[in-house]
Protein backbone atom coordinates (compact mmCIF):
# COMPACT_ATOMS: atom_id res chain seq x y z
CA MET A 1 0.00 0.00 0.00
CA GLN A 2 1.56 3.26 -1.19
CA LEU A 3 1.04 6.12 1.23
CA PRO A 4 0.18 9.62 -0.05
CA PRO A 5 2.91 12.24 0.60
CA GLU A 6 1.20 13.79 3.63
CA LEU A 7 0.77 10.39 5.30
CA GLN A 8 4.31 9.39 4.40
CA GLN A 9 5.55 12.34 6.43
CA ASP A 10 3.49 11.13 9.40
CA ALA A 11 4.86 7.62 8.90
CA ASP A 12 8.46 8.82 8.87
CA LYS A 13 7.86 10.89 12.00
CA ALA A 14 6.22 7.97 13.84
CA LEU A 15 9.03 5.59 12.92
CA ALA A 16 11.62 8.13 14.07
CA GLN A 17 9.84 8.40 17.42
CA LEU A 18 9.92 4.63 17.84
CA LYS A 19 13.60 4.51 16.92
CA ASP A 20 14.26 7.14 19.58
CA THR A 21 12.56 4.85 22.09
CA TYR A 22 13.90 1.49 20.93
CA SER A 23 17.26 0.70 19.36
CA ASP A 24 16.64 -2.97 18.56
CA PHE A 25 14.29 -3.72 15.65
CA SER A 26 15.79 -7.16 14.98
CA GLN A 27 12.50 -8.94 15.70
CA TRP A 28 10.78 -6.85 13.04
CA SER A 29 11.12 -8.25 9.51
CA GLN A 30 11.36 -5.88 6.58
CA GLU A 31 7.75 -6.64 5.68
CA ARG A 32 6.60 -5.85 9.21
CA ARG A 33 8.60 -2.61 9.25
CA VAL A 34 6.85 -1.47 6.08
CA GLN A 35 3.51 -2.33 7.66
CA LEU A 36 4.56 -0.53 10.83
CA GLN A 37 5.09 2.66 8.87
CA GLN A 38 1.71 2.31 7.20
CA VAL A 39 -0.24 1.62 10.38
CA THR A 40 1.44 4.27 12.53
CA ALA A 41 0.84 6.83 9.79
CA MET A 42 -2.89 6.17 10.15
CA SER A 43 -3.08 5.79 13.93
CA LYS A 44 -1.56 7.95 16.63
CA PHE A 45 -2.98 5.45 19.13
CA VAL A 46 -0.84 2.62 17.74
CA THR A 47 2.30 4.78 17.80
CA GLU A 48 1.73 5.88 21.40
CA ALA A 49 0.83 2.37 22.56
CA LEU A 50 4.06 0.99 21.11
CA GLN A 51 6.12 3.81 22.63
CA GLN A 52 4.64 3.32 26.09
CA ASP A 53 4.68 -0.49 26.20
CA GLN A 54 7.99 -2.20 25.52
CA THR A 55 6.42 -5.64 25.93
CA LEU A 56 3.95 -4.84 23.17
CA PHE A 57 6.74 -3.58 20.91
CA GLU A 58 8.69 -6.79 21.44
CA GLN A 59 5.73 -9.18 21.17
CA LEU A 60 3.68 -7.59 18.39
CA PRO A 61 5.56 -9.23 15.47
CA GLU A 62 4.85 -12.65 17.01
CA MET A 63 1.23 -11.69 17.76
CA LEU A 64 0.75 -10.73 14.13
CA GLY A 65 1.73 -14.26 13.15
CA GLU A 66 -1.62 -15.38 14.59
CA SER A 67 -4.60 -15.09 12.25
CA SER A 68 -6.86 -14.28 15.21
CA ARG A 69 -6.59 -14.15 19.00
CA GLU A 70 -10.14 -13.99 20.32
CA GLN A 71 -10.35 -17.66 21.33
CA ALA A 72 -7.92 -17.10 24.22
CA TYR A 73 -8.96 -13.60 25.35
CA ARG A 74 -10.60 -14.78 28.56
CA GLU A 75 -8.03 -17.43 29.42
CA ARG A 76 -5.10 -15.03 29.07
CA LEU A 77 -6.79 -12.20 30.92
CA ALA A 78 -7.96 -14.44 33.76
CA ALA A 79 -4.41 -15.69 34.28
CA LEU A 80 -3.07 -12.13 34.43
CA LEU A 81 -5.72 -10.94 36.89
CA ALA A 82 -5.29 -14.00 39.12
CA VAL A 83 -1.87 -12.82 40.29
CA CYS A 84 -2.94 -9.22 41.02
CA GLU A 85 -2.89 -8.63 44.77
CA GLN A 86 -3.88 -4.96 44.62
CA GLU A 87 -6.74 -3.31 42.78
CA VAL A 88 -4.34 -0.88 41.11
CA ASP A 89 -2.40 -3.82 39.66
CA GLY A 90 -5.56 -5.24 38.15
CA HIS A 91 -6.45 -1.89 36.62
CA ARG A 92 -3.04 -1.75 34.96
CA VAL A 93 -3.40 -5.31 33.65
CA LEU A 94 -6.80 -4.53 32.16
CA ARG A 95 -5.65 -1.38 30.40
CA ARG A 96 -2.49 -2.88 28.98
CA PHE A 97 -4.31 -6.01 27.84
CA ARG A 98 -6.93 -3.89 26.13
CA ASN A 99 -4.36 -1.65 24.44
CA ARG A 100 -2.30 -4.58 23.16
CA GLU A 101 -5.28 -6.35 21.67
CA MET A 102 -6.65 -3.10 20.22
CA VAL A 103 -3.33 -2.53 18.45
CA TYR A 104 -3.56 -6.04 16.98
CA ILE A 105 -7.14 -5.42 15.81
CA ALA A 106 -6.24 -1.98 14.41
CA TRP A 107 -3.35 -3.51 12.48
CA ARG A 108 -5.62 -6.10 10.87
CA ASP A 109 -8.26 -3.49 10.14
CA PHE A 110 -6.00 -0.82 8.63
CA LEU A 111 -4.21 -3.30 6.37
CA ASP A 112 -7.55 -4.77 5.19
CA ASP A 113 -6.76 -8.21 6.56
CA TRP A 114 -10.31 -8.28 7.91
CA THR A 115 -13.63 -7.04 6.61
CA LEU A 116 -15.41 -4.28 8.52
CA GLU A 117 -17.78 -6.84 10.00
CA GLU A 118 -14.87 -8.97 11.22
CA SER A 119 -13.19 -5.97 12.86
CA LEU A 120 -16.39 -4.94 14.65
CA SER A 121 -16.94 -8.52 15.78
CA HIS A 122 -13.42 -8.77 17.22
CA LEU A 123 -13.79 -5.44 19.03
CA SER A 124 -17.05 -6.66 20.55
CA MET A 125 -15.56 -10.01 21.58
CA LEU A 126 -12.65 -8.23 23.24
CA ALA A 127 -14.99 -5.98 25.22
CA GLU A 128 -17.14 -8.94 26.26
CA ALA A 129 -14.11 -10.88 27.47
CA MET A 130 -12.88 -7.89 29.46
CA ILE A 131 -16.28 -7.32 31.07
CA VAL A 132 -16.67 -10.99 32.03
CA GLU A 133 -13.17 -11.37 33.47
CA THR A 134 -13.39 -8.06 35.32
CA TYR A 135 -16.62 -9.31 36.86
CA GLN A 136 -15.07 -12.65 37.84
CA TRP A 137 -12.06 -10.93 39.39
CA GLN A 138 -14.09 -8.41 41.36
CA TYR A 139 -16.80 -10.91 42.37
CA GLN A 140 -14.17 -13.04 44.09
CA ALA A 141 -12.68 -9.97 45.78
CA CYS A 142 -16.09 -8.82 47.02
CA CYS A 143 -16.94 -12.30 48.34
CA LYS A 144 -13.72 -12.29 50.37
CA GLU A 145 -14.66 -8.93 51.84
CA TRP A 146 -18.41 -9.25 52.44
CA GLY A 147 -19.24 -12.94 51.99
CA THR A 148 -21.01 -14.77 49.16
CA PRO A 149 -24.47 -13.47 48.18
CA CYS A 150 -27.08 -16.22 48.65
CA ASN A 151 -30.84 -16.67 48.30
CA ALA A 152 -33.16 -17.96 51.03
CA ALA A 153 -32.13 -21.54 50.23
CA GLY A 154 -28.45 -20.72 50.69
CA GLU A 155 -27.63 -20.92 46.97
CA ALA A 156 -24.89 -18.58 45.73
CA GLN A 157 -26.17 -15.77 43.52
CA PRO A 158 -24.22 -14.49 40.49
CA MET A 159 -24.51 -11.18 38.71
CA LEU A 160 -25.80 -11.08 35.14
CA ILE A 161 -24.34 -8.32 32.96
CA ILE A 162 -26.42 -7.44 29.91
CA GLY A 163 -24.73 -5.71 26.98
CA MET A 164 -26.98 -3.23 25.18
CA GLY A 165 -26.53 -1.03 22.12
CA LYS A 166 -23.57 -1.68 19.84
CA LEU A 167 -22.04 -4.13 22.28
CA GLY A 168 -25.22 -6.20 22.41
CA GLY A 169 -25.37 -6.21 18.61
CA GLY A 170 -21.71 -7.19 18.21
CA GLU A 171 -20.98 -3.93 16.37
CA LEU A 172 -18.65 -2.12 18.76
CA ASN A 173 -16.16 0.21 17.05
CA PHE A 174 -12.82 1.59 18.24
CA SER A 175 -14.32 4.55 20.11
CA SER A 176 -17.66 3.11 21.28
CA ASP A 177 -18.75 3.26 24.88
CA ILE A 178 -20.36 0.16 26.39
CA ASP A 179 -24.00 0.19 27.50
CA LEU A 180 -24.59 -2.20 30.39
CA ILE A 181 -27.39 -3.33 32.71
CA PHE A 182 -26.60 -5.19 35.95
CA THR A 183 -29.03 -7.68 37.50
CA TYR A 184 -29.04 -10.68 39.85
CA PRO A 185 -31.43 -13.63 40.41
CA GLU A 186 -32.81 -13.32 43.95
CA ASN A 187 -32.70 -11.19 47.05
CA GLY A 188 -31.10 -12.48 50.22
CA GLU A 189 -27.93 -11.75 52.11
CA THR A 190 -24.28 -12.71 52.09
CA GLN A 191 -22.88 -15.70 53.94
CA GLY A 192 -19.38 -16.53 55.13
CA ALA A 193 -18.27 -13.13 56.38
CA ARG A 194 -18.18 -11.69 59.89
CA ARG A 195 -21.04 -9.39 58.98
CA SER A 196 -23.75 -10.09 56.40
CA ILE A 197 -25.05 -7.50 53.97
CA ALA A 198 -28.09 -7.59 51.67
CA ASN A 199 -27.59 -8.96 48.19
CA ALA A 200 -28.72 -5.64 46.73
CA GLN A 201 -25.95 -3.88 48.64
CA PHE A 202 -23.37 -6.49 47.65
CA PHE A 203 -24.17 -6.28 43.95
CA THR A 204 -24.30 -2.48 44.01
CA ARG A 205 -20.77 -2.40 45.42
CA LEU A 206 -19.67 -5.02 42.91
CA GLY A 207 -21.17 -3.01 40.05
CA GLN A 208 -19.38 0.12 41.22
CA ARG A 209 -16.07 -1.74 41.27
CA ILE A 210 -16.62 -3.13 37.78
CA ILE A 211 -17.37 0.34 36.42
CA LYS A 212 -14.31 1.77 38.15
CA ALA A 213 -12.07 -1.00 36.81
CA LEU A 214 -13.16 -0.39 33.23
CA ASP A 215 -13.97 3.33 33.14
CA GLN A 216 -11.56 5.12 35.47
CA GLN A 217 -8.80 7.17 33.83
CA THR A 218 -5.37 6.14 35.13
CA PHE A 219 -1.76 6.59 34.04
CA ASP A 220 -2.34 3.68 31.64
CA GLY A 221 -5.53 5.20 30.24
CA PHE A 222 -8.97 3.60 30.51
CA CYS A 223 -10.61 0.53 29.02
CA TYR A 224 -14.11 1.68 28.07
CA ARG A 225 -16.53 4.45 28.87
CA VAL A 226 -19.28 2.64 30.76
CA ASP A 227 -22.82 3.97 30.22
CA MET A 228 -25.45 2.72 32.68
CA ARG A 229 -28.27 5.04 31.60
CA LEU A 230 -30.25 2.33 29.80
CA ARG A 231 -31.05 0.62 33.11
CA PRO A 232 -34.56 0.95 34.58
CA PHE A 233 -35.29 4.54 35.67
CA GLY A 234 -32.01 5.66 34.06
CA GLU A 235 -29.56 7.65 36.15
CA SER A 236 -32.09 8.04 38.97
CA GLY A 237 -32.61 4.29 39.33
CA PRO A 238 -30.69 1.73 41.39
CA LEU A 239 -27.45 0.54 39.83
CA VAL A 240 -28.50 -3.12 40.15
CA MET A 241 -31.92 -4.79 40.32
CA SER A 242 -33.12 -8.34 40.94
CA TYR A 243 -34.66 -10.35 38.10
CA ALA A 244 -38.13 -9.87 39.60
CA ALA A 245 -37.74 -6.10 39.93
CA LEU A 246 -36.35 -5.87 36.40
CA GLU A 247 -39.24 -7.87 34.97
CA ASP A 248 -41.78 -5.82 36.89
CA TYR A 249 -40.31 -2.58 35.58
CA TYR A 250 -40.50 -3.58 31.92
CA GLN A 251 -44.02 -4.98 32.30
CA GLU A 252 -45.48 -2.12 34.30
CA GLN A 253 -43.43 1.02 33.66
CA GLY A 254 -41.00 0.49 30.79
CA ARG A 255 -41.52 2.67 27.74
CA ASP A 256 -41.87 1.11 24.30
CA TRP A 257 -38.36 2.07 23.18
CA GLU A 258 -36.92 0.43 26.30
CA ARG A 259 -38.63 -2.86 25.47
CA TYR A 260 -37.54 -2.63 21.83
CA ALA A 261 -33.91 -2.17 22.95
CA TRP A 262 -33.92 -5.81 24.06
C-alpha cells in the first residue's frame, strides 16, 4: 500500500519516534517494518501504545503471526488478573491487555486483513471478554470482603451483565462506549463473612467496582466508557436490580423504546 505524501511524512515521524525509544528492531522483519510505517501513519494510538509499552513492541511481530486471537482472550486475561494482589495492579493489567489487543485489531483493520464486519466482531468479543473477566475478578474480591451473596435456600447468587446497544449487537467500534445493565437472580444476604449485607448492597458495590475497573482514567488510560443510563429509571434508578424487579419494571413502567432495545 503506497502512502500519499502527507501520510508518508506522518509515517516517517512515527518511525523516528519509535527509533528514539527502541534501538533494537531485529524482531521486526522488513515486511513488518513497512507495515509498521503504514499503520502508525494512520493511527496515533498505535504509535503511542508501542512507545509506552515495551512488551507490546517486542511481542507484536509474534502476535501478528496469529490469524486471530479472540479464542484465548478470557483465558489469558484471567491468568493475568489471578496474580494481582492490589486493585491498582488489576487496573493496569486490564488497560495494557486492552491496548495490546486493540493494536492487533487496528493492524488487521488498517491493512484490510479483515472485513469491517470482522473488525467490529473482534472489538465486541474483546470488550465482552474484558467485562466478564473483570466481573469474575471483582466478584471473588467482594466475596472475600463481604461474603457470598445467597438466596433464602443458601444458593450462591451471580450477577448477570447485559450488553446493550452496539455491544449487544456485536458492532462495537474503536471509540464506542459500552451500555450495560446489571441484575441478579434473587434477594437475600451474604454468607461466610463476619457481617452479612443484603444482596442488593453487595451487587451495588460489585457493580461500582466493575465500572471503576473499566472506566476510570489512570496513568495507563482507561478501558471503556461505561454507560449505565439504559437501566430501569435511568440515572435516577438503582445501579442493580433483581430479576423480579427488572421484569416488573418492563411490564409495568418500561416505555416502548426500552422494550424494543432488548
